[in-house]
Amino acid sequence: FLITTPYSLCVCPEGQNVTLTCRISGPLADRHDLLYKTWYFSSNGDQSCSEKKHIRNVTEKELHHDLGRHHESPGNNTPKSPLGGQGSHHHGVEFIPDHHGAFHIVMMNLTVQDSGNYCCYAVEARREHGKPHTLQVAHGFVELQIQKGERRKGSPCQSSLPSSVADITAAALATGACIVGILCLPLILFLIYKQRQAVSSRRTY
C-alpha cells in the first residue's frame, strides 16, 4: 500500500486551526492484518521524522491512535470529535481515524513553534503468538509554515500540491501546448504562403 498527501505545503497564520490529512491506497498483504496509523513531528526539516517526536509532546497513548483493521470503522466507544469525526483531543491536538482510507491530525490555535514537517505513518502488522509483527511501513509528510503576526480569525490556510503532482500538471500543460502548436503549424504556413502569394501578385501588376 501507499500513503499520499493532498498537499505538500500548508501555510497558516498564528491562532488558526488546521487539519492535515494522509490517504492510504492499495491492498494489505492480508485483509485480516492490522493497520496502525500515527503522526510524528520534525522541526529540523526531516521528511521522515526519524526522531519520532510526538506532536506538541502528546503521547500516542493520549491520542488513542487507531490500531485496527484496514478500512474498519472506529468503535462506538470512541469519543466524538467536534469536527464530526471520531477521535480524541489533548493539548490542542486531535487524531481522527477515518474508515474511508484517510486519517487526519487536527491542530488548534497554531503558534510559530508548530512550524515543521508532519509525517504520517501507516504500519501493517500481523498478530502472531499474541504479539504484532510489522510487515510493511509507508509514510508521507506535509510541511506546515506558521506566519507570525496579527492573529486574524477566519484567515484561511494556504496549501500547495505535492511536487510530483505539480510536475505532472506542468508536463501535461507543456505537452498540450506542443500539440496545439503542431496542429496550428500547417495553418500558419498556409497563411504565410498566401501572404507571399498576394505580395508577389501585387509586384506582377
C-alpha atoms as a PDB file:
ATOM      1  CA  PHE A   1       0.000   0.000   0.000  1.00  0.00           C
ATOM      2  CA  LEU A   2       0.974   3.648  -0.388  1.00  0.00           C
ATOM      3  CA  ILE A   3       0.430   6.869   1.547  1.00  0.00           C
ATOM      4  CA  THR A   4      -0.291  10.126  -0.271  1.00  0.00           C
ATOM      5  CA  THR A   5      -0.931  13.663   0.952  1.00  0.00           C
ATOM      6  CA  PRO A   6      -3.310  16.065  -0.830  1.00  0.00           C
ATOM      7  CA  TYR A   7      -0.723  18.864  -0.471  1.00  0.00           C
ATOM      8  CA  SER A   8       2.971  19.119   0.396  1.00  0.00           C
ATOM      9  CA  LEU A   9       2.954  22.597   1.968  1.00  0.00           C
ATOM     10  CA  CYS A  10       0.436  24.322   4.201  1.00  0.00           C
ATOM     11  CA  VAL A  11       0.865  27.953   5.305  1.00  0.00           C
ATOM     12  CA  CYS A  12      -1.301  29.208   8.174  1.00  0.00           C
ATOM     13  CA  PRO A  13      -1.492  32.400  10.257  1.00  0.00           C
ATOM     14  CA  GLU A  14      -0.974  32.253  14.011  1.00  0.00           C
ATOM     15  CA  GLY A  15      -4.035  31.329  16.035  1.00  0.00           C
ATOM     16  CA  GLN A  16      -5.639  29.371  13.189  1.00  0.00           C
ATOM     17  CA  ASN A  17      -6.699  25.711  13.308  1.00  0.00           C
ATOM     18  CA  VAL A  18      -5.521  23.260  10.664  1.00  0.00           C
ATOM     19  CA  THR A  19      -6.360  19.704   9.622  1.00  0.00           C
ATOM     20  CA  LEU A  20      -3.570  17.686   7.987  1.00  0.00           C
ATOM     21  CA  THR A  21      -4.607  14.618   6.002  1.00  0.00           C
ATOM     22  CA  CYS A  22      -2.969  11.456   4.699  1.00  0.00           C
ATOM     23  CA  ARG A  23      -4.611   8.863   2.458  1.00  0.00           C
ATOM     24  CA  ILE A  24      -3.898   5.156   2.266  1.00  0.00           C
ATOM     25  CA  SER A  25      -4.262   3.408  -1.085  1.00  0.00           C
ATOM     26  CA  GLY A  26      -3.603  -0.135  -2.181  1.00  0.00           C
ATOM     27  CA  PRO A  27      -4.290  -3.508  -0.567  1.00  0.00           C
ATOM     28  CA  LEU A  28      -2.764  -5.029   2.523  1.00  0.00           C
ATOM     29  CA  ALA A  29      -0.785  -8.253   2.311  1.00  0.00           C
ATOM     30  CA  ASP A  30      -3.749  -9.883   4.040  1.00  0.00           C
ATOM     31  CA  ARG A  31      -7.119  -8.286   4.726  1.00  0.00           C
ATOM     32  CA  HIS A  32      -7.024  -9.647   8.285  1.00  0.00           C
ATOM     33  CA  ASP A  33      -3.808  -7.768   9.091  1.00  0.00           C
ATOM     34  CA  LEU A  34      -3.822  -4.842  11.493  1.00  0.00           C
ATOM     35  CA  LEU A  35      -3.167  -1.313  10.238  1.00  0.00           C
ATOM     36  CA  TYR A  36      -1.590   1.083  12.705  1.00  0.00           C
ATOM     37  CA  LYS A  37      -1.747   4.800  11.859  1.00  0.00           C
ATOM     38  CA  THR A  38       0.150   7.590  13.579  1.00  0.00           C
ATOM     39  CA  TRP A  39       1.738  11.042  13.161  1.00  0.00           C
ATOM     40  CA  TYR A  40       5.153  12.448  14.109  1.00  0.00           C
ATOM     41  CA  PHE A  41       6.739  15.903  14.032  1.00  0.00           C
ATOM     42  CA  SER A  42      10.143  17.237  12.963  1.00  0.00           C
ATOM     43  CA  SER A  43      11.357  20.812  13.367  1.00  0.00           C
ATOM     44  CA  ASN A  44      14.664  20.285  11.507  1.00  0.00           C
ATOM     45  CA  GLY A  45      13.354  19.552   8.001  1.00  0.00           C
ATOM     46  CA  ASP A  46      13.459  15.753   8.310  1.00  0.00           C
ATOM     47  CA  GLN A  47      10.868  14.434   5.830  1.00  0.00           C
ATOM     48  CA  SER A  48      10.769  11.063   7.611  1.00  0.00           C
ATOM     49  CA  CYS A  49      10.555  12.435  11.180  1.00  0.00           C
ATOM     50  CA  SER A  50      13.131   9.791  12.071  1.00  0.00           C
ATOM     51  CA  GLU A  51      13.368  11.047  15.662  1.00  0.00           C
ATOM     52  CA  LYS A  52       9.703  10.003  16.098  1.00  0.00           C
ATOM     53  CA  LYS A  53       8.967  13.177  18.025  1.00  0.00           C
ATOM     54  CA  HIS A  54       5.399  13.500  19.279  1.00  0.00           C
ATOM     55  CA  ILE A  55       3.303  16.449  18.125  1.00  0.00           C
ATOM     56  CA  ARG A  56       3.242  19.020  20.959  1.00  0.00           C
ATOM     57  CA  ASN A  57       4.668  16.265  23.180  1.00  0.00           C
ATOM     58  CA  VAL A  58       1.304  14.498  23.217  1.00  0.00           C
ATOM     59  CA  THR A  59       1.975  10.770  23.543  1.00  0.00           C
ATOM     60  CA  GLU A  60       0.427   8.150  21.297  1.00  0.00           C
ATOM     61  CA  LYS A  61      -1.462   6.728  24.253  1.00  0.00           C
ATOM     62  CA  GLU A  62      -3.076  10.113  24.886  1.00  0.00           C
ATOM     63  CA  LEU A  63      -4.071  10.442  21.258  1.00  0.00           C
ATOM     64  CA  HIS A  64      -5.657   6.961  21.237  1.00  0.00           C
ATOM     65  CA  HIS A  65      -4.115   6.087  17.889  1.00  0.00           C
ATOM     66  CA  ASP A  66      -6.171   3.727  15.839  1.00  0.00           C
ATOM     67  CA  LEU A  67      -4.922   0.134  15.899  1.00  0.00           C
ATOM     68  CA  GLY A  68      -7.454  -1.682  13.804  1.00  0.00           C
ATOM     69  CA  ARG A  69      -8.104  -3.397  10.544  1.00  0.00           C
ATOM     70  CA  HIS A  70      -7.840  -1.660   7.208  1.00  0.00           C
ATOM     71  CA  HIS A  71     -10.955   0.449   6.464  1.00  0.00           C
ATOM     72  CA  GLU A  72     -12.528  -0.655   9.741  1.00  0.00           C
ATOM     73  CA  SER A  73     -14.929   1.819  11.320  1.00  0.00           C
ATOM     74  CA  PRO A  74     -13.967   3.122  14.774  1.00  0.00           C
ATOM     75  CA  GLY A  75     -15.884   1.622  17.662  1.00  0.00           C
ATOM     76  CA  ASN A  76     -18.894   3.271  19.222  1.00  0.00           C
ATOM     77  CA  ASN A  77     -16.950   3.867  22.426  1.00  0.00           C
ATOM     78  CA  THR A  78     -14.536   6.270  20.707  1.00  0.00           C
ATOM     79  CA  PRO A  79     -15.152   9.858  21.864  1.00  0.00           C
ATOM     80  CA  LYS A  80     -16.734  12.134  19.289  1.00  0.00           C
ATOM     81  CA  SER A  81     -14.708  14.807  17.533  1.00  0.00           C
ATOM     82  CA  PRO A  82     -16.022  18.379  17.323  1.00  0.00           C
ATOM     83  CA  LEU A  83     -15.413  18.162  13.556  1.00  0.00           C
ATOM     84  CA  GLY A  84     -17.938  15.394  13.159  1.00  0.00           C
ATOM     85  CA  GLY A  85     -15.389  12.578  13.044  1.00  0.00           C
ATOM     86  CA  GLN A  86     -14.216  10.407  15.883  1.00  0.00           C
ATOM     87  CA  GLY A  87     -11.044  10.940  17.827  1.00  0.00           C
ATOM     88  CA  SER A  88      -9.586  12.408  20.975  1.00  0.00           C
ATOM     89  CA  HIS A  89      -8.380  15.863  21.894  1.00  0.00           C
ATOM     90  CA  HIS A  90      -5.320  16.694  24.026  1.00  0.00           C
ATOM     91  CA  HIS A  91      -3.369  19.968  24.241  1.00  0.00           C
ATOM     92  CA  GLY A  92      -4.996  21.309  21.097  1.00  0.00           C
ATOM     93  CA  VAL A  93      -4.118  18.180  19.100  1.00  0.00           C
ATOM     94  CA  GLU A  94      -6.668  15.701  17.833  1.00  0.00           C
ATOM     95  CA  PHE A  95      -6.189  12.466  15.910  1.00  0.00           C
ATOM     96  CA  ILE A  96      -9.144  11.480  13.720  1.00  0.00           C
ATOM     97  CA  PRO A  97      -9.174   7.997  12.173  1.00  0.00           C
ATOM     98  CA  ASP A  98     -11.317   7.637   9.085  1.00  0.00           C
ATOM     99  CA  HIS A  99     -12.618   4.383   7.641  1.00  0.00           C
ATOM    100  CA  HIS A 100     -12.521   5.801   4.087  1.00  0.00           C
ATOM    101  CA  GLY A 101      -8.784   5.218   3.788  1.00  0.00           C
ATOM    102  CA  ALA A 102      -7.696   8.572   5.230  1.00  0.00           C
ATOM    103  CA  PHE A 103      -6.619   9.743   8.658  1.00  0.00           C
ATOM    104  CA  HIS A 104      -6.148  13.248   9.999  1.00  0.00           C
ATOM    105  CA  ILE A 105      -4.414  15.275  12.662  1.00  0.00           C
ATOM    106  CA  VAL A 106      -6.109  18.478  13.839  1.00  0.00           C
ATOM    107  CA  MET A 107      -4.075  21.238  15.484  1.00  0.00           C
ATOM    108  CA  MET A 108      -5.760  24.163  17.179  1.00  0.00           C
ATOM    109  CA  ASN A 109      -4.554  27.677  17.993  1.00  0.00           C
ATOM    110  CA  LEU A 110      -1.344  27.398  15.952  1.00  0.00           C
ATOM    111  CA  THR A 111       1.875  29.079  17.087  1.00  0.00           C
ATOM    112  CA  VAL A 112       5.236  29.619  15.373  1.00  0.00           C
ATOM    113  CA  GLN A 113       6.589  26.643  17.350  1.00  0.00           C
ATOM    114  CA  ASP A 114       4.242  24.396  15.352  1.00  0.00           C
ATOM    115  CA  SER A 115       6.172  25.091  12.114  1.00  0.00           C
ATOM    116  CA  GLY A 116       7.880  21.998  10.718  1.00  0.00           C
ATOM    117  CA  ASN A 117       7.271  18.704   8.950  1.00  0.00           C
ATOM    118  CA  TYR A 118       4.406  16.427   9.962  1.00  0.00           C
ATOM    119  CA  CYS A 119       4.880  12.786   8.990  1.00  0.00           C
ATOM    120  CA  CYS A 120       2.032  10.308   8.770  1.00  0.00           C
ATOM    121  CA  TYR A 121       2.895   6.632   9.125  1.00  0.00           C
ATOM    122  CA  ALA A 122       0.888   3.513   8.380  1.00  0.00           C
ATOM    123  CA  VAL A 123       2.225   0.196   9.638  1.00  0.00           C
ATOM    124  CA  GLU A 124       0.791  -3.137   8.572  1.00  0.00           C
ATOM    125  CA  ALA A 125       1.188  -5.739  11.293  1.00  0.00           C
ATOM    126  CA  ARG A 126       0.142  -9.338  11.834  1.00  0.00           C
ATOM    127  CA  ARG A 127      -0.569 -10.753  15.256  1.00  0.00           C
ATOM    128  CA  GLU A 128       1.491 -13.863  15.900  1.00  0.00           C
ATOM    129  CA  HIS A 129       1.663 -15.577  19.280  1.00  0.00           C
ATOM    130  CA  GLY A 130      -0.201 -12.640  20.786  1.00  0.00           C
ATOM    131  CA  LYS A 131       2.291 -10.029  19.547  1.00  0.00           C
ATOM    132  CA  PRO A 132       2.083  -7.794  16.448  1.00  0.00           C
ATOM    133  CA  HIS A 133       4.831  -8.275  13.848  1.00  0.00           C
ATOM    134  CA  THR A 134       5.489  -5.484  11.323  1.00  0.00           C
ATOM    135  CA  LEU A 135       5.062  -6.484   7.665  1.00  0.00           C
ATOM    136  CA  GLN A 136       5.353  -3.191   5.803  1.00  0.00           C
ATOM    137  CA  VAL A 137       5.583   0.532   6.550  1.00  0.00           C
ATOM    138  CA  ALA A 138       4.637   3.550   4.427  1.00  0.00           C
ATOM    139  CA  HIS A 139       4.773   7.246   5.208  1.00  0.00           C
ATOM    140  CA  GLY A 140       4.115  10.701   3.798  1.00  0.00           C
ATOM    141  CA  PHE A 141       4.763  14.219   5.044  1.00  0.00           C
ATOM    142  CA  VAL A 142       3.337  17.735   4.978  1.00  0.00           C
ATOM    143  CA  GLU A 143       5.337  20.883   5.691  1.00  0.00           C
ATOM    144  CA  LEU A 144       3.495  23.360   7.911  1.00  0.00           C
ATOM    145  CA  GLN A 145       4.585  27.010   7.999  1.00  0.00           C
ATOM    146  CA  ILE A 146       3.098  29.410  10.539  1.00  0.00           C
ATOM    147  CA  GLN A 147       3.036  33.100   9.665  1.00  0.00           C
ATOM    148  CA  LYS A 148       3.882  35.225  12.668  1.00  0.00           C
ATOM    149  CA  GLY A 149       1.970  38.424  13.129  1.00  0.00           C
ATOM    150  CA  GLU A 150      -1.539  39.628  13.763  1.00  0.00           C
ATOM    151  CA  ARG A 151      -3.909  36.828  14.678  1.00  0.00           C
ATOM    152  CA  ARG A 152      -6.765  37.137  12.248  1.00  0.00           C
ATOM    153  CA  LYS A 153      -9.735  34.924  12.867  1.00  0.00           C
ATOM    154  CA  GLY A 154     -11.146  33.339   9.775  1.00  0.00           C
ATOM    155  CA  SER A 155      -7.938  33.733   7.740  1.00  0.00           C
ATOM    156  CA  PRO A 156      -7.675  30.518   5.730  1.00  0.00           C
ATOM    157  CA  CYS A 157      -4.607  28.326   5.469  1.00  0.00           C
ATOM    158  CA  GLN A 158      -2.977  28.193   2.035  1.00  0.00           C
ATOM    159  CA  SER A 159      -1.911  24.819   0.667  1.00  0.00           C
ATOM    160  CA  SER A 160       0.021  23.727  -2.411  1.00  0.00           C
ATOM    161  CA  LEU A 161       0.043  20.464  -4.354  1.00  0.00           C
ATOM    162  CA  PRO A 162       2.767  17.862  -3.839  1.00  0.00           C
ATOM    163  CA  SER A 163       5.756  18.482  -6.097  1.00  0.00           C
ATOM    164  CA  SER A 164       5.078  15.271  -8.039  1.00  0.00           C
ATOM    165  CA  VAL A 165       1.523  16.386  -8.843  1.00  0.00           C
ATOM    166  CA  ALA A 166       2.730  19.875  -9.756  1.00  0.00           C
ATOM    167  CA  ASP A 167       5.383  18.385 -12.059  1.00  0.00           C
ATOM    168  CA  ILE A 168       2.821  16.148 -13.745  1.00  0.00           C
ATOM    169  CA  THR A 169       0.475  19.119 -14.223  1.00  0.00           C
ATOM    170  CA  ALA A 170       3.259  21.260 -15.697  1.00  0.00           C
ATOM    171  CA  ALA A 171       4.314  18.437 -18.016  1.00  0.00           C
ATOM    172  CA  ALA A 172       0.716  17.943 -19.163  1.00  0.00           C
ATOM    173  CA  LEU A 173       0.331  21.660 -19.899  1.00  0.00           C
ATOM    174  CA  ALA A 174       3.623  21.723 -21.820  1.00  0.00           C
ATOM    175  CA  THR A 175       2.602  18.655 -23.825  1.00  0.00           C
ATOM    176  CA  GLY A 176      -0.772  20.214 -24.598  1.00  0.00           C
ATOM    177  CA  ALA A 177       0.901  23.427 -25.770  1.00  0.00           C
ATOM    178  CA  CYS A 178       3.214  21.426 -28.064  1.00  0.00           C
ATOM    179  CA  ILE A 179       0.291  19.507 -29.564  1.00  0.00           C
ATOM    180  CA  VAL A 180      -1.642  22.734 -30.201  1.00  0.00           C
ATOM    181  CA  GLY A 181       1.464  24.251 -31.789  1.00  0.00           C
ATOM    182  CA  ILE A 182       1.946  21.246 -34.081  1.00  0.00           C
ATOM    183  CA  LEU A 183      -1.716  21.286 -35.112  1.00  0.00           C
ATOM    184  CA  CYS A 184      -1.601  25.023 -35.822  1.00  0.00           C
ATOM    185  CA  LEU A 185       1.677  24.855 -37.793  1.00  0.00           C
ATOM    186  CA  PRO A 186       0.081  23.900 -41.169  1.00  0.00           C
ATOM    187  CA  LEU A 187      -2.397  26.773 -40.817  1.00  0.00           C
ATOM    188  CA  ILE A 188       0.405  29.235 -40.026  1.00  0.00           C
ATOM    189  CA  LEU A 189       2.449  28.015 -43.014  1.00  0.00           C
ATOM    190  CA  PHE A 190      -0.611  28.263 -45.262  1.00  0.00           C
ATOM    191  CA  LEU A 191      -1.262  31.857 -44.156  1.00  0.00           C
ATOM    192  CA  ILE A 192       2.401  32.774 -44.769  1.00  0.00           C
ATOM    193  CA  TYR A 193       2.199  31.181 -48.235  1.00  0.00           C
ATOM    194  CA  LYS A 194      -0.989  33.093 -49.090  1.00  0.00           C
ATOM    195  CA  GLN A 195       0.544  36.346 -47.867  1.00  0.00           C
ATOM    196  CA  ARG A 196       3.656  35.856 -50.013  1.00  0.00           C
ATOM    197  CA  GLN A 197       1.471  34.920 -52.967  1.00  0.00           C
ATOM    198  CA  ALA A 198      -0.501  38.141 -52.532  1.00  0.00           C
ATOM    199  CA  VAL A 199       2.703  40.213 -52.334  1.00  0.00           C
ATOM    200  CA  SER A 200       4.148  38.594 -55.463  1.00  0.00           C
ATOM    201  CA  SER A 201       0.893  39.145 -57.382  1.00  0.00           C
ATOM    202  CA  ARG A 202       0.979  42.848 -56.478  1.00  0.00           C
ATOM    203  CA  ARG A 203       4.527  43.109 -57.808  1.00  0.00           C
ATOM    204  CA  THR A 204       3.415  41.474 -61.053  1.00  0.00           C
ATOM    205  CA  TYR A 205       0.777  44.143 -61.571  1.00  0.00           C
END
